[in-house]
Amino acid sequence: MTIKVLLADDQALLRSAFRVLVDSEADMEVVGEASDGAQAYELARATVPDVVLMDIRMPGTDGLAATRLISEDPQLSGVRVVILTTFEVDDYVVRALRAGAGGFLGKGAEPDELIAAIRIAAAGEALLSPAATKGLIAKFLAQGEDTPAPGDHSDDARRLATLTGREREVLVHVAGGLSNDEIGARLQVSPLTVKTHVNRAMAKLGARDRAQLVVTAYETGLVRPRVQ
């Protein structure tokens, strides 16, 4: 199975470099290049890629708006957006995750990291390493103003009530940036069992992927940021 990749970046030279790298992989193919967010959305609808590598800052319609358009389009429900950014943790990344992005990657990443990121995203996993997740949490959740108190009566908070005790426990660990293997070790269950709980939590909460679970866990107050 070939992984279809759409490149969205306003720098033609960077897009060319990404194309050479992606097309050099036997199981990957670049299906389009966009120089702004509006074009990225149009090409996503035309090609239905598996993964979009999306620059967050582009002229006109930026990557944030394009990510929201893609994530809200029912025809593109299987498309995963990976945000490319110079700064791995910033307010734009936070907003992009809330808009539906599945993860993010620094533009300074090594070529093998980029390829691995595409495969991770295509497999439906969130591209949020433990370190990146904790940095993300520290960056925007410690600000406090966007994080509701426990017991908040938002739609997400009400959906949390549909989770089993074990699913809530797993969700807390996911929000802490732990992998399925790490969660399994802590709870003394298999990684496959953890994955089942994660998938059920995603279905109940209407989350596209693991990244959205992290956002939901904090925005509903299930997990509270630690203030350093």
Protein backbone atom coordinates (compact mmCIF):
# COMPACT_ATOMS: atom_id res chain seq x y z
CA MET A 1 0.00 0.00 0.00
CA THR A 2 1.39 3.37 -1.06
CA ILE A 3 1.15 6.25 1.42
CA LYS A 4 -0.11 9.34 -0.40
CA VAL A 5 1.46 12.57 0.83
CA LEU A 6 0.42 16.16 0.18
CA LEU A 7 3.01 18.91 0.77
CA ALA A 8 1.87 22.37 1.88
CA ASP A 9 4.56 25.00 2.32
CA ASP A 10 5.07 28.44 0.82
CA GLN A 11 8.78 27.76 0.24
CA ALA A 12 9.22 26.02 -3.13
CA LEU A 13 12.76 24.90 -2.29
CA LEU A 14 11.60 23.18 0.87
CA ARG A 15 8.73 21.48 -0.95
CA SER A 16 11.18 20.19 -3.57
CA ALA A 17 13.44 18.77 -0.88
CA PHE A 18 10.50 17.05 0.80
CA ARG A 19 9.30 15.66 -2.52
CA VAL A 20 12.69 14.11 -3.32
CA LEU A 21 12.84 12.58 0.16
CA VAL A 22 9.28 11.21 0.16
CA ASP A 23 9.37 9.92 -3.43
CA SER A 24 12.62 8.07 -2.68
CA GLU A 25 10.64 5.74 -0.40
CA ALA A 26 9.16 2.70 -2.15
CA ASP A 27 5.92 2.90 -0.17
CA MET A 28 5.32 6.66 -0.45
CA GLU A 29 4.23 9.07 -3.16
CA VAL A 30 3.78 12.85 -3.25
CA VAL A 31 0.36 13.49 -4.79
CA GLY A 32 0.43 17.28 -4.73
CA GLU A 33 2.14 20.48 -3.65
CA ALA A 34 0.44 23.57 -2.25
CA SER A 35 1.88 26.99 -1.55
CA ASP A 36 -0.91 28.16 0.76
CA GLY A 37 -3.70 26.78 2.91
CA ALA A 38 -6.52 27.32 0.44
CA GLN A 39 -4.67 25.37 -2.24
CA ALA A 40 -3.82 22.67 0.31
CA TYR A 41 -7.49 22.16 1.08
CA GLU A 42 -8.45 22.08 -2.60
CA LEU A 43 -5.73 19.54 -3.37
CA ALA A 44 -6.69 17.46 -0.32
CA ARG A 45 -10.23 17.19 -1.67
CA ALA A 46 -8.94 16.34 -5.15
CA THR A 47 -6.34 13.74 -4.11
CA VAL A 48 -7.53 12.54 -0.65
CA PRO A 49 -4.00 11.97 0.68
CA ASP A 50 -3.18 9.83 3.69
CA VAL A 51 -0.97 12.52 5.20
CA VAL A 52 -0.64 16.27 4.73
CA LEU A 53 2.64 17.88 5.75
CA MET A 54 1.36 21.35 6.59
CA ASP A 55 3.42 24.46 7.19
CA ILE A 56 1.69 26.42 9.95
CA ARG A 57 2.60 29.88 8.66
CA MET A 58 1.71 30.60 5.04
CA PRO A 59 0.41 33.73 3.29
CA GLY A 60 -3.31 34.08 2.71
CA THR A 61 -5.06 31.05 4.18
CA ASP A 62 -2.58 29.72 6.72
CA GLY A 63 -1.97 26.17 7.86
CA LEU A 64 -4.24 26.56 10.86
CA ALA A 65 -7.28 27.46 8.76
CA ALA A 66 -6.47 24.73 6.23
CA THR A 67 -6.15 22.15 9.01
CA ARG A 68 -9.57 23.09 10.34
CA LEU A 69 -11.12 22.86 6.86
CA ILE A 70 -9.64 19.40 6.33
CA SER A 71 -10.59 18.06 9.76
CA GLU A 72 -14.17 19.32 9.45
CA ASP A 73 -14.71 17.87 5.95
CA PRO A 74 -16.46 14.46 6.18
CA GLN A 75 -14.90 13.41 2.87
CA LEU A 76 -11.44 13.86 4.41
CA SER A 77 -12.04 12.05 7.69
CA GLY A 78 -9.15 9.67 7.01
CA VAL A 79 -6.63 12.42 6.21
CA ARG A 80 -3.99 13.07 8.88
CA VAL A 81 -2.38 16.50 9.13
CA VAL A 82 1.16 16.82 10.47
CA ILE A 83 2.13 20.39 11.26
CA LEU A 84 5.59 21.52 10.18
CA THR A 85 6.93 24.33 12.30
CA THR A 86 10.17 26.08 13.11
CA PHE A 87 9.22 26.03 16.76
CA GLU A 88 7.90 22.68 17.93
CA VAL A 89 5.82 24.12 20.74
CA ASP A 90 4.04 27.42 20.20
CA ASP A 91 0.55 28.88 20.23
CA TYR A 92 0.00 28.08 16.56
CA VAL A 93 0.72 24.40 17.17
CA VAL A 94 -1.72 24.37 20.07
CA ARG A 95 -4.43 25.92 17.93
CA ALA A 96 -3.66 23.49 15.11
CA LEU A 97 -4.09 20.49 17.40
CA ARG A 98 -7.41 21.89 18.55
CA ALA A 99 -8.34 22.37 14.89
CA GLY A 100 -7.73 18.67 14.21
CA ALA A 101 -4.04 18.19 13.46
CA GLY A 102 -2.67 14.79 14.43
CA GLY A 103 0.74 15.98 15.52
CA PHE A 104 3.65 18.21 14.70
CA LEU A 105 7.25 18.04 13.60
CA GLY A 106 10.05 20.59 13.71
CA LYS A 107 11.42 21.70 10.35
CA GLY A 108 14.87 20.88 11.64
CA ALA A 109 14.02 17.19 11.96
CA GLU A 110 16.33 14.65 10.35
CA PRO A 111 15.16 13.00 7.09
CA ASP A 112 14.57 9.65 8.77
CA GLU A 113 12.46 11.40 11.42
CA LEU A 114 10.29 12.95 8.72
CA ILE A 115 9.77 9.61 7.00
CA ALA A 116 8.98 7.95 10.31
CA ALA A 117 6.52 10.74 11.11
CA ILE A 118 4.65 10.16 7.86
CA ARG A 119 4.36 6.44 8.57
CA ILE A 120 3.18 7.07 12.14
CA ALA A 121 0.54 9.53 10.97
CA ALA A 122 -0.61 7.27 8.13
CA ALA A 123 -1.08 4.45 10.65
CA GLY A 124 -3.48 6.67 12.58
CA GLU A 125 -1.20 7.25 15.54
CA ALA A 126 -0.54 10.68 16.99
CA LEU A 127 2.81 12.24 16.26
CA LEU A 128 3.31 13.45 19.81
CA SER A 129 6.37 12.13 21.60
CA PRO A 130 6.29 12.13 25.42
CA ALA A 131 8.74 15.03 25.51
CA ALA A 132 6.78 17.02 22.93
CA THR A 133 3.49 16.33 24.68
CA LYS A 134 4.83 17.53 28.01
CA GLY A 135 6.30 20.61 26.36
CA LEU A 136 3.00 21.31 24.66
CA ILE A 137 1.10 20.96 27.92
CA ALA A 138 3.53 23.24 29.73
CA LYS A 139 3.27 25.84 26.97
CA PHE A 140 -0.45 26.37 26.66
CA LEU A 141 -2.26 24.59 29.43
CA ALA A 142 -0.27 26.18 32.24
CA GLN A 143 -1.67 29.48 31.00
CA GLY A 144 -4.89 28.38 32.62
CA GLU A 145 -7.43 30.62 30.93
CA ASP A 146 -8.49 28.04 28.36
CA THR A 147 -8.59 25.11 30.78
CA PRO A 148 -11.93 24.59 32.52
CA ALA A 149 -12.24 23.55 36.11
CA PRO A 150 -13.09 19.91 36.89
CA GLY A 151 -16.81 19.38 36.53
CA ASP A 152 -17.12 21.77 33.61
CA HIS A 153 -20.41 21.12 31.78
CA SER A 154 -19.15 21.34 28.22
CA ASP A 155 -20.08 18.73 25.63
CA ASP A 156 -16.66 17.13 26.01
CA ALA A 157 -17.06 16.93 29.78
CA ARG A 158 -20.41 15.23 29.39
CA ARG A 159 -18.90 12.76 26.95
CA LEU A 160 -16.24 11.95 29.53
CA ALA A 161 -19.00 10.51 31.67
CA THR A 162 -19.48 7.79 29.03
CA LEU A 163 -15.97 6.44 29.62
CA THR A 164 -15.38 3.47 31.88
CA GLY A 165 -13.07 3.87 34.85
CA ARG A 166 -10.28 2.07 33.01
CA GLU A 167 -10.74 4.19 29.88
CA ARG A 168 -10.47 7.36 31.96
CA GLU A 169 -7.35 5.99 33.62
CA VAL A 170 -5.79 5.22 30.24
CA LEU A 171 -6.77 8.68 28.98
CA VAL A 172 -4.93 10.30 31.90
CA HIS A 173 -1.77 8.42 30.94
CA VAL A 174 -2.20 9.30 27.26
CA ALA A 175 -2.42 12.97 28.27
CA GLY A 176 0.84 12.50 30.14
CA GLY A 177 2.56 11.53 26.90
CA LEU A 178 2.98 7.82 27.64
CA SER A 179 3.08 5.22 24.88
CA ASN A 180 0.84 2.15 24.86
CA ASP A 181 3.77 0.04 26.04
CA GLU A 182 4.47 2.39 28.94
CA ILE A 183 0.80 2.56 29.92
CA GLY A 184 0.55 -1.22 29.77
CA ALA A 185 3.54 -1.59 32.08
CA ARG A 186 2.01 0.79 34.61
CA LEU A 187 -1.41 -0.83 34.53
CA GLN A 188 -0.02 -4.36 34.18
CA VAL A 189 -1.96 -5.09 31.01
CA SER A 190 -0.84 -5.74 27.44
CA PRO A 191 -0.20 -2.90 24.97
CA LEU A 192 -2.97 -4.39 22.81
CA THR A 193 -5.43 -4.00 25.69
CA VAL A 194 -4.30 -0.40 26.13
CA LYS A 195 -4.81 0.23 22.41
CA THR A 196 -8.36 -1.16 22.71
CA HIS A 197 -9.12 1.24 25.56
CA VAL A 198 -7.60 4.14 23.60
CA ASN A 199 -9.67 3.33 20.52
CA ARG A 200 -12.87 3.08 22.57
CA ALA A 201 -12.13 6.40 24.26
CA MET A 202 -11.53 8.00 20.85
CA ALA A 203 -14.86 6.68 19.57
CA LYS A 204 -16.81 7.87 22.61
CA LEU A 205 -15.18 11.31 22.64
CA GLY A 206 -15.30 11.82 18.88
CA ALA A 207 -11.53 12.23 18.75
CA ARG A 208 -9.77 11.82 15.41
CA ASP A 209 -6.62 10.46 16.99
CA ARG A 210 -4.43 10.34 20.06
CA ALA A 211 -3.51 14.01 19.82
CA GLN A 212 -7.16 14.97 20.14
CA LEU A 213 -7.43 12.81 23.25
CA VAL A 214 -4.63 14.82 24.85
CA VAL A 215 -6.39 18.09 24.07
CA THR A 216 -9.75 16.77 25.33
CA ALA A 217 -8.27 15.46 28.57
CA TYR A 218 -6.94 18.90 29.45
CA GLU A 219 -9.71 21.05 28.04
CA THR A 220 -12.35 19.14 30.02
CA GLY A 221 -10.35 19.33 33.23
CA LEU A 222 -9.84 15.55 33.53
CA VAL A 223 -6.13 16.30 33.81
CA ARG A 224 -4.85 19.54 35.27
CA PRO A 225 -1.57 21.19 34.22
CA ARG A 226 1.14 21.42 36.80
CA VAL A 227 2.23 24.99 37.40
CA GLN A 228 5.97 25.06 37.78
